[in-house]
Amino acid sequence: MTKPSHSEPTPAGSEELREQVEQVRTELGQTVEALAAKADVKARAKEEVAEAKEQATAKAGELKEQAAVKARELKAKGTDLAHQAQDKLPDPVKEKAAQASGQARATAAQAGRVWQEKAPEPVQQKAAQGARLARDNRTALLVAAGVAVVVWLSYRRRG
């Protein structure tokens, strides 16, 4: 590089040098920040953990949706099978099943009353939580119970 003819910088040259110095400072600051970030192993580990957690949450949501779809399919299939089995049952068997269902309800009601009187409070709370879950999934439970009764009755009839 050649030197200008006079040693005093011109005003335009001084301003240009200041801008260059400022730009170099900015770039140097960014470089230092990038190096500091690479050297901060703890922060990088936290970022990786957060990213892995986010991916796991997304995958869990995806799997939950797939399970819900499959559950709906199985529920529909179970309902259909229960209806088919019920249509094939003779009337006396249907009457016995209805009678057994009534007896089971009465026995369950009596057991519930005894339970309310004698069970400790924490156990009652857990049981209530389970009952709510069963109530929320009533159709699936009824279909499963119906299929179980039909299978039991058919094996009993053959045996």
C-alpha atoms as a PDB file:
ATOM      1  CA  MET A   1       0.000   0.000   0.000  1.00  0.00           C
ATOM      2  CA  THR A   2       1.243   3.445  -0.752  1.00  0.00           C
ATOM      3  CA  LYS A   3       1.006   6.348   1.623  1.00  0.00           C
ATOM      4  CA  PRO A   4      -0.966   9.424   0.711  1.00  0.00           C
ATOM      5  CA  SER A   5       1.113  12.409  -0.315  1.00  0.00           C
ATOM      6  CA  HIS A   6       0.573  14.265   2.932  1.00  0.00           C
ATOM      7  CA  SER A   7       0.731  12.770   6.407  1.00  0.00           C
ATOM      8  CA  GLU A   8      -2.495  14.360   7.735  1.00  0.00           C
ATOM      9  CA  PRO A   9      -5.571  12.186   7.054  1.00  0.00           C
ATOM     10  CA  THR A  10      -8.342  13.916   5.210  1.00  0.00           C
ATOM     11  CA  PRO A  11     -11.691  14.325   6.946  1.00  0.00           C
ATOM     12  CA  ALA A  12     -13.299  11.829   4.567  1.00  0.00           C
ATOM     13  CA  GLY A  13     -10.435   9.383   5.146  1.00  0.00           C
ATOM     14  CA  SER A  14     -10.753   9.713   8.940  1.00  0.00           C
ATOM     15  CA  GLU A  15     -14.464   8.959   8.836  1.00  0.00           C
ATOM     16  CA  GLU A  16     -13.862   5.947   6.631  1.00  0.00           C
ATOM     17  CA  LEU A  17     -11.215   4.642   9.029  1.00  0.00           C
ATOM     18  CA  ARG A  18     -13.570   5.059  12.003  1.00  0.00           C
ATOM     19  CA  GLU A  19     -16.277   3.086  10.200  1.00  0.00           C
ATOM     20  CA  GLN A  20     -13.780   0.329   9.382  1.00  0.00           C
ATOM     21  CA  VAL A  21     -12.595   0.225  12.991  1.00  0.00           C
ATOM     22  CA  GLU A  22     -16.199   0.047  14.214  1.00  0.00           C
ATOM     23  CA  GLN A  23     -16.982  -2.743  11.758  1.00  0.00           C
ATOM     24  CA  VAL A  24     -13.895  -4.697  12.828  1.00  0.00           C
ATOM     25  CA  ARG A  25     -14.892  -4.231  16.499  1.00  0.00           C
ATOM     26  CA  THR A  26     -18.400  -5.517  15.758  1.00  0.00           C
ATOM     27  CA  GLU A  27     -17.049  -8.547  13.886  1.00  0.00           C
ATOM     28  CA  LEU A  28     -14.530  -9.212  16.636  1.00  0.00           C
ATOM     29  CA  GLY A  29     -17.282  -9.011  19.280  1.00  0.00           C
ATOM     30  CA  GLN A  30     -19.420 -11.479  17.344  1.00  0.00           C
ATOM     31  CA  THR A  31     -16.464 -13.825  16.960  1.00  0.00           C
ATOM     32  CA  VAL A  32     -15.726 -13.647  20.682  1.00  0.00           C
ATOM     33  CA  GLU A  33     -19.394 -14.354  21.492  1.00  0.00           C
ATOM     34  CA  ALA A  34     -19.399 -17.338  19.149  1.00  0.00           C
ATOM     35  CA  LEU A  35     -16.235 -18.727  20.722  1.00  0.00           C
ATOM     36  CA  ALA A  36     -17.616 -18.160  24.220  1.00  0.00           C
ATOM     37  CA  ALA A  37     -20.822 -19.984  23.262  1.00  0.00           C
ATOM     38  CA  LYS A  38     -18.801 -22.939  21.943  1.00  0.00           C
ATOM     39  CA  ALA A  39     -16.726 -23.003  25.089  1.00  0.00           C
ATOM     40  CA  ASP A  40     -19.825 -22.936  27.355  1.00  0.00           C
ATOM     41  CA  VAL A  41     -20.400 -26.682  27.569  1.00  0.00           C
ATOM     42  CA  LYS A  42     -23.111 -26.378  30.205  1.00  0.00           C
ATOM     43  CA  ALA A  43     -25.225 -24.041  28.047  1.00  0.00           C
ATOM     44  CA  ARG A  44     -24.758 -26.241  24.977  1.00  0.00           C
ATOM     45  CA  ALA A  45     -25.793 -29.295  27.000  1.00  0.00           C
ATOM     46  CA  LYS A  46     -28.914 -27.486  28.211  1.00  0.00           C
ATOM     47  CA  GLU A  47     -29.786 -26.558  24.622  1.00  0.00           C
ATOM     48  CA  GLU A  48     -29.358 -30.160  23.507  1.00  0.00           C
ATOM     49  CA  VAL A  49     -31.485 -31.410  26.395  1.00  0.00           C
ATOM     50  CA  ALA A  50     -34.191 -28.878  25.574  1.00  0.00           C
ATOM     51  CA  GLU A  51     -34.123 -29.922  21.929  1.00  0.00           C
ATOM     52  CA  ALA A  52     -34.298 -33.625  22.842  1.00  0.00           C
ATOM     53  CA  LYS A  53     -37.151 -32.915  25.235  1.00  0.00           C
ATOM     54  CA  GLU A  54     -39.035 -31.041  22.531  1.00  0.00           C
ATOM     55  CA  GLN A  55     -38.546 -33.915  20.089  1.00  0.00           C
ATOM     56  CA  ALA A  56     -39.674 -36.447  22.699  1.00  0.00           C
ATOM     57  CA  THR A  57     -42.773 -34.399  23.465  1.00  0.00           C
ATOM     58  CA  ALA A  58     -43.627 -34.191  19.788  1.00  0.00           C
ATOM     59  CA  LYS A  59     -43.119 -37.943  19.348  1.00  0.00           C
ATOM     60  CA  ALA A  60     -45.215 -38.673  22.441  1.00  0.00           C
ATOM     61  CA  GLY A  61     -48.033 -36.551  21.061  1.00  0.00           C
ATOM     62  CA  GLU A  62     -47.814 -38.376  17.756  1.00  0.00           C
ATOM     63  CA  LEU A  63     -47.874 -41.779  19.458  1.00  0.00           C
ATOM     64  CA  LYS A  64     -50.773 -40.715  21.661  1.00  0.00           C
ATOM     65  CA  GLU A  65     -52.783 -39.728  18.591  1.00  0.00           C
ATOM     66  CA  GLN A  66     -51.960 -43.038  16.892  1.00  0.00           C
ATOM     67  CA  ALA A  67     -53.031 -44.934  20.028  1.00  0.00           C
ATOM     68  CA  ALA A  68     -56.296 -42.983  20.166  1.00  0.00           C
ATOM     69  CA  VAL A  69     -57.036 -43.825  16.524  1.00  0.00           C
ATOM     70  CA  LYS A  70     -56.274 -47.492  17.140  1.00  0.00           C
ATOM     71  CA  ALA A  71     -58.426 -47.490  20.283  1.00  0.00           C
ATOM     72  CA  ARG A  72     -61.360 -46.040  18.346  1.00  0.00           C
ATOM     73  CA  GLU A  73     -60.920 -48.700  15.672  1.00  0.00           C
ATOM     74  CA  LEU A  74     -60.783 -51.502  18.252  1.00  0.00           C
ATOM     75  CA  LYS A  75     -63.763 -50.066  20.098  1.00  0.00           C
ATOM     76  CA  ALA A  76     -65.821 -50.016  16.902  1.00  0.00           C
ATOM     77  CA  LYS A  77     -64.727 -53.550  16.050  1.00  0.00           C
ATOM     78  CA  GLY A  78     -65.541 -54.767  19.572  1.00  0.00           C
ATOM     79  CA  THR A  79     -68.957 -53.138  19.458  1.00  0.00           C
ATOM     80  CA  ASP A  80     -69.647 -54.757  16.121  1.00  0.00           C
ATOM     81  CA  LEU A  81     -68.562 -58.177  17.400  1.00  0.00           C
ATOM     82  CA  ALA A  82     -70.675 -57.782  20.522  1.00  0.00           C
ATOM     83  CA  HIS A  83     -73.720 -56.935  18.422  1.00  0.00           C
ATOM     84  CA  GLN A  84     -73.091 -59.911  16.156  1.00  0.00           C
ATOM     85  CA  ALA A  85     -72.728 -62.214  19.147  1.00  0.00           C
ATOM     86  CA  GLN A  86     -75.808 -60.756  20.807  1.00  0.00           C
ATOM     87  CA  ASP A  87     -77.848 -61.257  17.633  1.00  0.00           C
ATOM     88  CA  LYS A  88     -76.866 -64.937  17.584  1.00  0.00           C
ATOM     89  CA  LEU A  89     -77.745 -65.610  21.214  1.00  0.00           C
ATOM     90  CA  PRO A  90     -81.008 -67.386  21.928  1.00  0.00           C
ATOM     91  CA  ASP A  91     -83.600 -65.528  23.995  1.00  0.00           C
ATOM     92  CA  PRO A  92     -83.188 -67.662  27.134  1.00  0.00           C
ATOM     93  CA  VAL A  93     -79.467 -66.859  27.213  1.00  0.00           C
ATOM     94  CA  LYS A  94     -80.203 -63.143  26.784  1.00  0.00           C
ATOM     95  CA  GLU A  95     -82.687 -63.305  29.641  1.00  0.00           C
ATOM     96  CA  LYS A  96     -80.183 -65.056  31.895  1.00  0.00           C
ATOM     97  CA  ALA A  97     -77.544 -62.469  31.013  1.00  0.00           C
ATOM     98  CA  ALA A  98     -79.965 -59.642  31.828  1.00  0.00           C
ATOM     99  CA  GLN A  99     -80.877 -61.340  35.104  1.00  0.00           C
ATOM    100  CA  ALA A 100     -77.196 -61.820  35.983  1.00  0.00           C
ATOM    101  CA  SER A 101     -76.564 -58.193  35.127  1.00  0.00           C
ATOM    102  CA  GLY A 102     -79.340 -57.077  37.475  1.00  0.00           C
ATOM    103  CA  GLN A 103     -78.000 -59.240  40.251  1.00  0.00           C
ATOM    104  CA  ALA A 104     -74.503 -57.914  39.674  1.00  0.00           C
ATOM    105  CA  ARG A 105     -75.789 -54.344  39.890  1.00  0.00           C
ATOM    106  CA  ALA A 106     -77.598 -55.060  43.148  1.00  0.00           C
ATOM    107  CA  THR A 107     -74.552 -56.768  44.634  1.00  0.00           C
ATOM    108  CA  ALA A 108     -72.324 -53.920  43.468  1.00  0.00           C
ATOM    109  CA  ALA A 109     -74.638 -51.367  45.059  1.00  0.00           C
ATOM    110  CA  GLN A 110     -74.586 -53.259  48.339  1.00  0.00           C
ATOM    111  CA  ALA A 111     -70.795 -53.588  48.185  1.00  0.00           C
ATOM    112  CA  GLY A 112     -70.588 -49.859  47.492  1.00  0.00           C
ATOM    113  CA  ARG A 113     -72.577 -49.075  50.619  1.00  0.00           C
ATOM    114  CA  VAL A 114     -70.358 -51.334  52.743  1.00  0.00           C
ATOM    115  CA  TRP A 115     -67.316 -49.752  51.109  1.00  0.00           C
ATOM    116  CA  GLN A 116     -68.477 -46.230  51.971  1.00  0.00           C
ATOM    117  CA  GLU A 117     -68.911 -47.236  55.598  1.00  0.00           C
ATOM    118  CA  LYS A 118     -65.647 -49.097  56.158  1.00  0.00           C
ATOM    119  CA  ALA A 119     -62.933 -47.986  53.700  1.00  0.00           C
ATOM    120  CA  PRO A 120     -60.297 -45.388  54.740  1.00  0.00           C
ATOM    121  CA  GLU A 121     -60.535 -41.950  53.072  1.00  0.00           C
ATOM    122  CA  PRO A 122     -57.342 -42.190  50.901  1.00  0.00           C
ATOM    123  CA  VAL A 123     -58.471 -45.546  49.553  1.00  0.00           C
ATOM    124  CA  GLN A 124     -61.924 -44.134  48.802  1.00  0.00           C
ATOM    125  CA  GLN A 125     -60.362 -41.247  46.881  1.00  0.00           C
ATOM    126  CA  LYS A 126     -58.277 -43.599  44.729  1.00  0.00           C
ATOM    127  CA  ALA A 127     -61.310 -45.774  44.091  1.00  0.00           C
ATOM    128  CA  ALA A 128     -63.354 -42.736  43.078  1.00  0.00           C
ATOM    129  CA  GLN A 129     -60.624 -41.757  40.647  1.00  0.00           C
ATOM    130  CA  GLY A 130     -60.702 -45.262  39.136  1.00  0.00           C
ATOM    131  CA  ALA A 131     -64.489 -45.140  38.915  1.00  0.00           C
ATOM    132  CA  ARG A 132     -64.333 -41.830  37.048  1.00  0.00           C
ATOM    133  CA  LEU A 133     -61.867 -43.353  34.610  1.00  0.00           C
ATOM    134  CA  ALA A 134     -64.146 -46.368  34.120  1.00  0.00           C
ATOM    135  CA  ARG A 135     -67.153 -44.083  33.621  1.00  0.00           C
ATOM    136  CA  ASP A 136     -65.267 -42.079  31.013  1.00  0.00           C
ATOM    137  CA  ASN A 137     -64.477 -45.322  29.134  1.00  0.00           C
ATOM    138  CA  ARG A 138     -67.823 -46.989  29.814  1.00  0.00           C
ATOM    139  CA  THR A 139     -68.533 -48.138  26.271  1.00  0.00           C
ATOM    140  CA  ALA A 140     -65.224 -49.944  25.894  1.00  0.00           C
ATOM    141  CA  LEU A 141     -65.670 -51.636  29.273  1.00  0.00           C
ATOM    142  CA  LEU A 142     -69.231 -52.687  28.480  1.00  0.00           C
ATOM    143  CA  VAL A 143     -68.213 -54.073  25.100  1.00  0.00           C
ATOM    144  CA  ALA A 144     -65.372 -56.040  26.683  1.00  0.00           C
ATOM    145  CA  ALA A 145     -67.656 -57.354  29.408  1.00  0.00           C
ATOM    146  CA  GLY A 146     -70.303 -58.294  26.836  1.00  0.00           C
ATOM    147  CA  VAL A 147     -67.793 -60.158  24.713  1.00  0.00           C
ATOM    148  CA  ALA A 148     -66.459 -61.929  27.812  1.00  0.00           C
ATOM    149  CA  VAL A 149     -69.973 -63.010  28.851  1.00  0.00           C
ATOM    150  CA  VAL A 150     -70.765 -64.266  25.351  1.00  0.00           C
ATOM    151  CA  VAL A 151     -67.539 -66.228  25.168  1.00  0.00           C
ATOM    152  CA  TRP A 152     -68.078 -67.639  28.646  1.00  0.00           C
ATOM    153  CA  LEU A 153     -71.649 -68.635  27.859  1.00  0.00           C
ATOM    154  CA  SER A 154     -70.694 -70.249  24.569  1.00  0.00           C
ATOM    155  CA  TYR A 155     -67.930 -72.301  26.209  1.00  0.00           C
ATOM    156  CA  ARG A 156     -70.226 -73.227  29.049  1.00  0.00           C
ATOM    157  CA  ARG A 157     -72.923 -74.298  26.615  1.00  0.00           C
ATOM    158  CA  ARG A 158     -70.506 -76.489  24.652  1.00  0.00           C
ATOM    159  CA  GLY A 159     -68.899 -78.006  27.739  1.00  0.00           C
END
